[in-house]
Amino acid sequence: MFIGEYTFKVDSKGRTSIPALFRRELEEGDPKWTGGQRPKFFIVYGNASKKFLEVYTAEAFTKLSNDILALPRGTKKRRMLERLVLGMSHPTEVDGDGRLVLPQKLREKIELEKEAYFIGAGETFEIWKPETFEAENAATMETWLEELPDDFDPLTLLSDNEG
């Protein structure tokens, strides 16, 4: 499971370290990985409304792909998912130094410059421009907290079936 948050520098070639705990999850999530090899994973970037890149292990991406391909052929839902997820994803691997090389196109999509912010999301993790995450997170939290009592305990959401 991907948990925690980390910030790393990005060099001019788009290389950035991957958090060590995330690298272990990427290794475990690549069924073909064995010690000494580079784990493979997928970066999904197709949703234009998302201001971040979403990273899947090889295993999680295969499951997602199978779910998409299980939809009826020719349906709008399947065509959208084929384009936004399958078509607009970047297969890659951890390099020999434990880094990720982000292509220019992906860096431009999220306006990534000198630093990358990584945040775990359970089955996936996200890569953000740190300032964008701070602004988006502050706005989201403010909206959420306006709807809740001052003594709100986030763990109470586990028993809430409203979604």
N, C-alpha and C. Protein backbone atom coordinates (compact mmCIF):
# COMPACT_ATOMS: atom_id res chain seq x y z
N MET A 1 0.85 -1.18 0.00
CA MET A 1 0.00 0.00 0.00
C MET A 1 0.89 1.24 0.00
N PHE A 2 0.53 2.21 -0.82
CA PHE A 2 1.28 3.46 -0.89
C PHE A 2 0.72 4.42 0.15
N ILE A 3 1.55 4.80 1.12
CA ILE A 3 1.15 5.76 2.14
C ILE A 3 2.26 6.77 2.36
N GLY A 4 1.90 7.92 2.87
CA GLY A 4 2.88 8.95 3.20
C GLY A 4 3.02 9.99 2.11
N GLU A 5 3.84 10.99 2.41
CA GLU A 5 4.10 12.08 1.46
C GLU A 5 5.57 12.44 1.48
N TYR A 6 6.08 12.81 0.32
CA TYR A 6 7.51 13.05 0.14
C TYR A 6 7.70 14.12 -0.93
N THR A 7 8.79 14.87 -0.82
CA THR A 7 9.14 15.85 -1.84
C THR A 7 10.59 15.60 -2.26
N PHE A 8 10.81 15.55 -3.59
CA PHE A 8 12.14 15.33 -4.12
C PHE A 8 12.43 16.33 -5.24
N LYS A 9 13.69 16.62 -5.42
CA LYS A 9 14.12 17.51 -6.50
C LYS A 9 13.95 16.80 -7.85
N VAL A 10 13.72 17.60 -8.88
CA VAL A 10 13.64 17.12 -10.27
C VAL A 10 14.76 17.80 -11.03
N ASP A 11 15.57 17.02 -11.74
CA ASP A 11 16.66 17.64 -12.50
C ASP A 11 16.18 18.05 -13.89
N SER A 12 17.06 18.64 -14.67
CA SER A 12 16.69 19.19 -15.98
C SER A 12 16.26 18.11 -16.97
N LYS A 13 16.64 16.85 -16.72
CA LYS A 13 16.24 15.75 -17.59
C LYS A 13 14.95 15.07 -17.11
N GLY A 14 14.34 15.61 -16.05
CA GLY A 14 13.09 15.05 -15.55
C GLY A 14 13.28 13.89 -14.60
N ARG A 15 14.49 13.70 -14.09
CA ARG A 15 14.74 12.60 -13.16
C ARG A 15 14.44 13.04 -11.73
N THR A 16 13.76 12.18 -11.01
CA THR A 16 13.47 12.43 -9.60
C THR A 16 13.51 11.11 -8.85
N SER A 17 13.93 11.17 -7.61
CA SER A 17 13.93 9.96 -6.79
C SER A 17 12.51 9.51 -6.52
N ILE A 18 12.35 8.21 -6.35
CA ILE A 18 11.07 7.64 -5.94
C ILE A 18 11.24 7.28 -4.47
N PRO A 19 10.28 7.63 -3.61
CA PRO A 19 10.42 7.28 -2.20
C PRO A 19 10.74 5.79 -2.04
N ALA A 20 11.67 5.47 -1.15
CA ALA A 20 12.10 4.08 -0.96
C ALA A 20 10.93 3.15 -0.66
N LEU A 21 10.01 3.58 0.18
CA LEU A 21 8.85 2.72 0.49
C LEU A 21 7.98 2.50 -0.74
N PHE A 22 7.89 3.48 -1.61
CA PHE A 22 7.13 3.33 -2.85
C PHE A 22 7.84 2.36 -3.79
N ARG A 23 9.17 2.42 -3.83
CA ARG A 23 9.91 1.48 -4.68
C ARG A 23 9.66 0.05 -4.25
N ARG A 24 9.62 -0.21 -2.95
CA ARG A 24 9.32 -1.57 -2.46
C ARG A 24 7.93 -2.03 -2.92
N GLU A 25 6.96 -1.12 -2.88
CA GLU A 25 5.60 -1.46 -3.33
C GLU A 25 5.58 -1.72 -4.84
N LEU A 26 6.35 -0.93 -5.60
CA LEU A 26 6.42 -1.15 -7.04
C LEU A 26 7.03 -2.51 -7.34
N GLU A 27 8.04 -2.90 -6.58
CA GLU A 27 8.64 -4.23 -6.76
C GLU A 27 7.62 -5.32 -6.46
N GLU A 28 6.92 -5.19 -5.35
CA GLU A 28 5.92 -6.20 -4.97
C GLU A 28 4.76 -6.24 -5.96
N GLY A 29 4.47 -5.09 -6.58
CA GLY A 29 3.36 -5.01 -7.52
C GLY A 29 3.71 -5.36 -8.95
N ASP A 30 4.93 -5.84 -9.17
CA ASP A 30 5.34 -6.27 -10.51
C ASP A 30 5.58 -7.77 -10.45
N PRO A 31 4.62 -8.57 -10.95
CA PRO A 31 4.74 -10.03 -10.85
C PRO A 31 5.98 -10.60 -11.53
N LYS A 32 6.56 -9.88 -12.47
CA LYS A 32 7.74 -10.38 -13.19
C LYS A 32 9.05 -9.93 -12.53
N TRP A 33 8.95 -9.09 -11.49
CA TRP A 33 10.16 -8.55 -10.86
C TRP A 33 10.84 -9.60 -9.99
N THR A 34 12.16 -9.64 -10.10
CA THR A 34 12.98 -10.41 -9.17
C THR A 34 14.14 -9.51 -8.78
N GLY A 35 14.78 -9.82 -7.65
CA GLY A 35 15.88 -9.01 -7.15
C GLY A 35 16.89 -8.66 -8.23
N GLY A 36 17.35 -7.42 -8.22
CA GLY A 36 18.33 -6.99 -9.21
C GLY A 36 17.72 -6.43 -10.48
N GLN A 37 16.42 -6.64 -10.68
CA GLN A 37 15.76 -6.10 -11.86
C GLN A 37 15.09 -4.78 -11.52
N ARG A 38 14.60 -4.11 -12.53
CA ARG A 38 13.90 -2.84 -12.36
C ARG A 38 12.41 -3.07 -12.44
N PRO A 39 11.66 -2.73 -11.39
CA PRO A 39 10.21 -2.95 -11.45
C PRO A 39 9.55 -2.03 -12.48
N LYS A 40 8.56 -2.58 -13.15
CA LYS A 40 7.80 -1.82 -14.14
C LYS A 40 6.54 -1.27 -13.48
N PHE A 41 6.09 -0.11 -13.97
CA PHE A 41 4.86 0.50 -13.46
C PHE A 41 4.30 1.43 -14.53
N PHE A 42 3.14 2.01 -14.25
CA PHE A 42 2.43 2.81 -15.25
C PHE A 42 2.01 4.15 -14.67
N ILE A 43 2.22 5.19 -15.46
CA ILE A 43 1.78 6.54 -15.08
C ILE A 43 0.61 6.90 -15.97
N VAL A 44 -0.55 7.16 -15.36
CA VAL A 44 -1.74 7.55 -16.12
C VAL A 44 -1.86 9.07 -16.05
N TYR A 45 -2.00 9.71 -17.22
CA TYR A 45 -2.01 11.17 -17.28
C TYR A 45 -3.17 11.73 -18.09
N GLY A 46 -4.08 10.90 -18.57
CA GLY A 46 -5.07 11.33 -19.54
C GLY A 46 -6.15 12.28 -19.09
N ASN A 47 -6.54 12.25 -17.83
CA ASN A 47 -7.65 13.09 -17.39
C ASN A 47 -7.19 14.54 -17.30
N ALA A 48 -7.68 15.38 -18.20
CA ALA A 48 -7.24 16.77 -18.26
C ALA A 48 -7.62 17.55 -17.01
N SER A 49 -8.66 17.13 -16.30
CA SER A 49 -9.07 17.87 -15.10
C SER A 49 -8.19 17.56 -13.90
N LYS A 50 -7.39 16.49 -13.97
CA LYS A 50 -6.49 16.16 -12.87
C LYS A 50 -5.19 16.94 -13.03
N LYS A 51 -4.74 17.51 -11.93
CA LYS A 51 -3.52 18.31 -11.96
C LYS A 51 -2.35 17.51 -11.40
N PHE A 52 -2.44 16.20 -11.52
CA PHE A 52 -1.39 15.31 -11.02
C PHE A 52 -1.29 14.10 -11.92
N LEU A 53 -0.22 13.33 -11.73
CA LEU A 53 -0.02 12.07 -12.43
C LEU A 53 -0.35 10.95 -11.46
N GLU A 54 -1.05 9.93 -11.93
CA GLU A 54 -1.43 8.81 -11.07
C GLU A 54 -0.61 7.59 -11.46
N VAL A 55 0.06 6.99 -10.46
CA VAL A 55 0.99 5.91 -10.71
C VAL A 55 0.43 4.59 -10.19
N TYR A 56 0.44 3.57 -11.05
CA TYR A 56 -0.07 2.24 -10.74
C TYR A 56 1.06 1.23 -10.80
N THR A 57 1.03 0.24 -9.94
CA THR A 57 1.95 -0.89 -10.09
C THR A 57 1.54 -1.64 -11.35
N ALA A 58 2.42 -2.51 -11.83
CA ALA A 58 2.09 -3.32 -13.02
C ALA A 58 0.85 -4.16 -12.75
N GLU A 59 0.77 -4.74 -11.57
CA GLU A 59 -0.36 -5.60 -11.21
C GLU A 59 -1.67 -4.80 -11.14
N ALA A 60 -1.64 -3.63 -10.50
CA ALA A 60 -2.85 -2.80 -10.39
C ALA A 60 -3.29 -2.30 -11.76
N PHE A 61 -2.33 -1.95 -12.64
CA PHE A 61 -2.68 -1.48 -13.97
C PHE A 61 -3.29 -2.60 -14.80
N THR A 62 -2.77 -3.80 -14.66
CA THR A 62 -3.34 -4.95 -15.38
C THR A 62 -4.78 -5.18 -14.94
N LYS A 63 -5.02 -5.10 -13.64
CA LYS A 63 -6.40 -5.27 -13.13
C LYS A 63 -7.32 -4.18 -13.69
N LEU A 64 -6.85 -2.93 -13.65
CA LEU A 64 -7.63 -1.82 -14.19
C LEU A 64 -7.90 -2.03 -15.68
N SER A 65 -6.89 -2.43 -16.42
CA SER A 65 -7.04 -2.68 -17.87
C SER A 65 -8.07 -3.77 -18.12
N ASN A 66 -8.01 -4.83 -17.34
CA ASN A 66 -8.98 -5.93 -17.49
C ASN A 66 -10.39 -5.46 -17.19
N ASP A 67 -10.55 -4.60 -16.18
CA ASP A 67 -11.87 -4.05 -15.87
C ASP A 67 -12.41 -3.23 -17.04
N ILE A 68 -11.53 -2.45 -17.67
CA ILE A 68 -11.94 -1.64 -18.82
C ILE A 68 -12.32 -2.54 -19.99
N LEU A 69 -11.50 -3.54 -20.27
CA LEU A 69 -11.76 -4.43 -21.41
C LEU A 69 -12.95 -5.34 -21.19
N ALA A 70 -13.42 -5.46 -19.95
CA ALA A 70 -14.60 -6.26 -19.65
C ALA A 70 -15.89 -5.51 -19.99
N LEU A 71 -15.79 -4.20 -20.18
CA LEU A 71 -16.97 -3.42 -20.56
C LEU A 71 -17.38 -3.78 -21.98
N PRO A 72 -18.65 -3.63 -22.31
CA PRO A 72 -19.09 -3.95 -23.68
C PRO A 72 -18.35 -3.11 -24.73
N ARG A 73 -17.92 -3.79 -25.78
CA ARG A 73 -17.21 -3.11 -26.87
C ARG A 73 -18.09 -2.03 -27.49
N GLY A 74 -17.44 -0.93 -27.85
CA GLY A 74 -18.14 0.13 -28.57
C GLY A 74 -18.94 1.07 -27.69
N THR A 75 -19.05 0.78 -26.40
CA THR A 75 -19.82 1.69 -25.54
C THR A 75 -19.01 2.95 -25.27
N LYS A 76 -19.71 4.02 -24.99
CA LYS A 76 -19.06 5.28 -24.72
C LYS A 76 -18.13 5.16 -23.51
N LYS A 77 -18.59 4.48 -22.46
CA LYS A 77 -17.79 4.30 -21.25
C LYS A 77 -16.46 3.62 -21.57
N ARG A 78 -16.54 2.53 -22.32
CA ARG A 78 -15.31 1.80 -22.65
C ARG A 78 -14.38 2.63 -23.53
N ARG A 79 -14.94 3.31 -24.53
CA ARG A 79 -14.11 4.13 -25.41
C ARG A 79 -13.41 5.25 -24.64
N MET A 80 -14.15 5.87 -23.71
CA MET A 80 -13.55 6.93 -22.90
C MET A 80 -12.40 6.38 -22.05
N LEU A 81 -12.64 5.26 -21.40
CA LEU A 81 -11.61 4.68 -20.54
C LEU A 81 -10.42 4.16 -21.35
N GLU A 82 -10.70 3.60 -22.53
CA GLU A 82 -9.59 3.16 -23.38
C GLU A 82 -8.69 4.34 -23.74
N ARG A 83 -9.32 5.46 -24.06
CA ARG A 83 -8.53 6.63 -24.46
C ARG A 83 -7.83 7.28 -23.27
N LEU A 84 -8.60 7.55 -22.18
CA LEU A 84 -8.07 8.31 -21.05
C LEU A 84 -7.13 7.51 -20.14
N VAL A 85 -7.31 6.19 -20.11
CA VAL A 85 -6.47 5.38 -19.23
C VAL A 85 -5.46 4.56 -20.04
N LEU A 86 -5.97 3.73 -20.94
CA LEU A 86 -5.06 2.86 -21.69
C LEU A 86 -4.20 3.65 -22.68
N GLY A 87 -4.83 4.56 -23.40
CA GLY A 87 -4.09 5.32 -24.40
C GLY A 87 -3.18 6.37 -23.81
N MET A 88 -3.62 6.99 -22.73
CA MET A 88 -2.85 8.08 -22.14
C MET A 88 -2.19 7.62 -20.84
N SER A 89 -1.39 6.60 -21.00
CA SER A 89 -0.59 6.12 -19.87
C SER A 89 0.84 5.93 -20.39
N HIS A 90 1.76 5.96 -19.46
CA HIS A 90 3.17 5.86 -19.81
C HIS A 90 3.78 4.68 -19.05
N PRO A 91 4.07 3.58 -19.76
CA PRO A 91 4.74 2.46 -19.08
C PRO A 91 6.20 2.83 -18.86
N THR A 92 6.71 2.54 -17.68
CA THR A 92 8.10 2.88 -17.38
C THR A 92 8.63 1.94 -16.32
N GLU A 93 9.82 2.22 -15.84
CA GLU A 93 10.42 1.39 -14.80
C GLU A 93 11.32 2.25 -13.93
N VAL A 94 11.61 1.76 -12.74
CA VAL A 94 12.55 2.44 -11.85
C VAL A 94 13.93 2.31 -12.49
N ASP A 95 14.69 3.41 -12.53
CA ASP A 95 16.03 3.30 -13.12
C ASP A 95 17.00 2.69 -12.11
N GLY A 96 18.23 2.48 -12.51
CA GLY A 96 19.23 1.81 -11.68
C GLY A 96 19.57 2.55 -10.40
N ASP A 97 19.23 3.83 -10.33
CA ASP A 97 19.51 4.63 -9.13
C ASP A 97 18.26 4.87 -8.29
N GLY A 98 17.17 4.13 -8.57
CA GLY A 98 15.93 4.29 -7.80
C GLY A 98 15.14 5.53 -8.18
N ARG A 99 15.35 5.98 -9.41
CA ARG A 99 14.67 7.19 -9.85
C ARG A 99 13.63 6.90 -10.92
N LEU A 100 12.85 7.91 -11.17
CA LEU A 100 11.84 7.92 -12.21
C LEU A 100 12.25 9.02 -13.19
N VAL A 101 12.17 8.73 -14.47
CA VAL A 101 12.43 9.75 -15.48
C VAL A 101 11.07 10.13 -16.06
N LEU A 102 10.67 11.37 -15.79
CA LEU A 102 9.38 11.86 -16.29
C LEU A 102 9.59 12.56 -17.63
N PRO A 103 8.94 12.08 -18.69
CA PRO A 103 9.07 12.74 -19.99
C PRO A 103 8.57 14.19 -19.92
N GLN A 104 9.10 15.02 -20.80
CA GLN A 104 8.74 16.44 -20.85
C GLN A 104 7.23 16.64 -20.92
N LYS A 105 6.56 15.84 -21.73
CA LYS A 105 5.10 15.96 -21.89
C LYS A 105 4.38 15.82 -20.55
N LEU A 106 4.81 14.88 -19.72
CA LEU A 106 4.16 14.68 -18.42
C LEU A 106 4.53 15.80 -17.45
N ARG A 107 5.76 16.27 -17.51
CA ARG A 107 6.16 17.39 -16.64
C ARG A 107 5.37 18.64 -17.01
N GLU A 108 5.17 18.86 -18.31
CA GLU A 108 4.40 20.02 -18.75
C GLU A 108 2.95 19.92 -18.33
N LYS A 109 2.38 18.73 -18.37
CA LYS A 109 0.97 18.56 -17.99
C LYS A 109 0.69 19.05 -16.58
N ILE A 110 1.62 18.77 -15.66
CA ILE A 110 1.40 19.18 -14.27
C ILE A 110 2.28 20.37 -13.88
N GLU A 111 2.92 20.99 -14.88
CA GLU A 111 3.76 22.17 -14.68
C GLU A 111 4.88 21.91 -13.68
N LEU A 112 5.44 20.71 -13.74
CA LEU A 112 6.49 20.31 -12.81
C LEU A 112 7.80 20.99 -13.19
N GLU A 113 8.47 21.52 -12.19
CA GLU A 113 9.72 22.22 -12.45
C GLU A 113 10.85 21.65 -11.59
N LYS A 114 11.09 22.22 -10.43
CA LYS A 114 12.26 21.87 -9.63
C LYS A 114 12.01 20.79 -8.58
N GLU A 115 10.76 20.60 -8.18
CA GLU A 115 10.45 19.61 -7.16
C GLU A 115 9.19 18.84 -7.53
N ALA A 116 9.15 17.58 -7.08
CA ALA A 116 7.97 16.73 -7.26
C ALA A 116 7.48 16.32 -5.88
N TYR A 117 6.17 16.39 -5.71
CA TYR A 117 5.53 16.00 -4.45
C TYR A 117 4.83 14.67 -4.69
N PHE A 118 5.17 13.68 -3.89
CA PHE A 118 4.58 12.35 -3.98
C PHE A 118 3.65 12.15 -2.79
N ILE A 119 2.44 11.65 -3.04
CA ILE A 119 1.54 11.33 -1.94
C ILE A 119 0.89 9.98 -2.22
N GLY A 120 0.93 9.13 -1.21
CA GLY A 120 0.32 7.81 -1.32
C GLY A 120 -1.19 7.89 -1.31
N ALA A 121 -1.81 7.02 -2.09
CA ALA A 121 -3.28 6.96 -2.16
C ALA A 121 -3.74 5.51 -2.06
N GLY A 122 -3.03 4.71 -1.28
CA GLY A 122 -3.40 3.31 -1.11
C GLY A 122 -2.91 2.46 -2.25
N GLU A 123 -3.79 2.18 -3.19
CA GLU A 123 -3.45 1.32 -4.33
C GLU A 123 -2.55 2.02 -5.35
N THR A 124 -2.56 3.34 -5.35
CA THR A 124 -1.77 4.13 -6.28
C THR A 124 -1.02 5.22 -5.51
N PHE A 125 -0.18 5.97 -6.22
CA PHE A 125 0.33 7.21 -5.64
C PHE A 125 0.26 8.29 -6.70
N GLU A 126 0.30 9.52 -6.23
CA GLU A 126 0.16 10.67 -7.12
C GLU A 126 1.45 11.49 -7.10
N ILE A 127 1.73 12.12 -8.23
CA ILE A 127 2.86 13.03 -8.35
C ILE A 127 2.31 14.40 -8.72
N TRP A 128 2.65 15.40 -7.92
CA TRP A 128 2.14 16.76 -8.07
C TRP A 128 3.29 17.75 -8.12
N LYS A 129 3.03 18.92 -8.65
CA LYS A 129 3.86 20.08 -8.40
C LYS A 129 3.51 20.49 -6.97
N PRO A 130 4.49 20.67 -6.08
CA PRO A 130 4.17 20.92 -4.67
C PRO A 130 3.20 22.08 -4.44
N GLU A 131 3.38 23.18 -5.13
CA GLU A 131 2.51 24.34 -4.93
C GLU A 131 1.08 24.05 -5.36
N THR A 132 0.92 23.28 -6.42
CA THR A 132 -0.43 22.92 -6.88
C THR A 132 -1.11 22.04 -5.85
N PHE A 133 -0.38 21.06 -5.31
CA PHE A 133 -0.98 20.21 -4.29
C PHE A 133 -1.40 21.03 -3.08
N GLU A 134 -0.54 21.91 -2.61
CA GLU A 134 -0.87 22.73 -1.44
C GLU A 134 -2.15 23.52 -1.67
N ALA A 135 -2.26 24.16 -2.82
CA ALA A 135 -3.45 24.97 -3.12
C ALA A 135 -4.70 24.09 -3.25
N GLU A 136 -4.59 23.00 -4.01
CA GLU A 136 -5.74 22.10 -4.21
C GLU A 136 -6.17 21.46 -2.90
N ASN A 137 -5.20 21.01 -2.12
CA ASN A 137 -5.50 20.35 -0.85
C ASN A 137 -6.15 21.32 0.13
N ALA A 138 -5.65 22.55 0.21
CA ALA A 138 -6.24 23.54 1.11
C ALA A 138 -7.69 23.82 0.73
N ALA A 139 -7.95 23.99 -0.57
CA ALA A 139 -9.31 24.28 -1.02
C ALA A 139 -10.24 23.09 -0.74
N THR A 140 -9.75 21.88 -1.02
CA THR A 140 -10.57 20.68 -0.80
C THR A 140 -10.86 20.50 0.68
N MET A 141 -9.84 20.64 1.52
CA MET A 141 -10.03 20.46 2.96
C MET A 141 -10.99 21.50 3.51
N GLU A 142 -10.86 22.73 3.04
CA GLU A 142 -11.76 23.79 3.51
C GLU A 142 -13.21 23.44 3.17
N THR A 143 -13.44 22.98 1.95
CA THR A 143 -14.80 22.61 1.54
C THR A 143 -15.33 21.46 2.38
N TRP A 144 -14.50 20.44 2.57
CA TRP A 144 -14.92 19.28 3.37
C TRP A 144 -15.23 19.68 4.80
N LEU A 145 -14.33 20.47 5.40
CA LEU A 145 -14.48 20.81 6.81
C LEU A 145 -15.65 21.74 7.07
N GLU A 146 -16.03 22.55 6.08
CA GLU A 146 -17.20 23.42 6.23
C GLU A 146 -18.47 22.61 6.48
N GLU A 147 -18.51 21.40 5.93
CA GLU A 147 -19.69 20.54 6.04
C GLU A 147 -19.71 19.72 7.32
N LEU A 148 -18.66 19.77 8.12
CA LEU A 148 -18.51 18.88 9.27
C LEU A 148 -18.45 19.65 10.58
N PRO A 149 -18.81 18.99 11.68
CA PRO A 149 -18.73 19.66 12.99
C PRO A 149 -17.28 19.90 13.40
N ASP A 150 -17.07 20.84 14.31
CA ASP A 150 -15.71 21.19 14.75
C ASP A 150 -14.97 20.01 15.37
N ASP A 151 -15.68 19.09 16.02
CA ASP A 151 -15.04 17.95 16.67
C ASP A 151 -15.02 16.70 15.79
N PHE A 152 -15.05 16.91 14.48
CA PHE A 152 -15.11 15.82 13.52
C PHE A 152 -13.92 14.87 13.66
N ASP A 153 -14.18 13.59 13.67
CA ASP A 153 -13.16 12.55 13.69
C ASP A 153 -13.19 11.86 12.32
N PRO A 154 -12.11 11.96 11.52
CA PRO A 154 -12.11 11.37 10.18
C PRO A 154 -12.42 9.88 10.16
N LEU A 155 -12.10 9.16 11.21
CA LEU A 155 -12.35 7.72 11.23
C LEU A 155 -13.83 7.39 11.24
N THR A 156 -14.68 8.35 11.57
CA THR A 156 -16.12 8.10 11.52
C THR A 156 -16.60 7.89 10.07
N LEU A 157 -15.80 8.33 9.10
CA LEU A 157 -16.16 8.12 7.70
C LEU A 157 -16.17 6.62 7.33
N LEU A 158 -15.45 5.81 8.08
CA LEU A 158 -15.41 4.38 7.81
C LEU A 158 -16.77 3.72 8.02
N SER A 159 -17.59 4.29 8.86
CA SER A 159 -18.92 3.70 9.10
C SER A 159 -20.01 4.41 8.30
N ASP A 160 -19.63 5.38 7.50
CA ASP A 160 -20.59 6.15 6.69
C ASP A 160 -20.78 5.46 5.34
N ASN A 161 -21.98 5.04 5.04
CA ASN A 161 -22.25 4.33 3.77
C ASN A 161 -22.72 5.26 2.65
N GLU A 162 -22.68 6.55 2.87
CA GLU A 162 -23.15 7.49 1.85
C GLU A 162 -22.12 7.73 0.76
N GLY A 163 -20.88 7.37 0.96
CA GLY A 163 -19.84 7.56 -0.06
C GLY A 163 -19.17 8.85 0.10
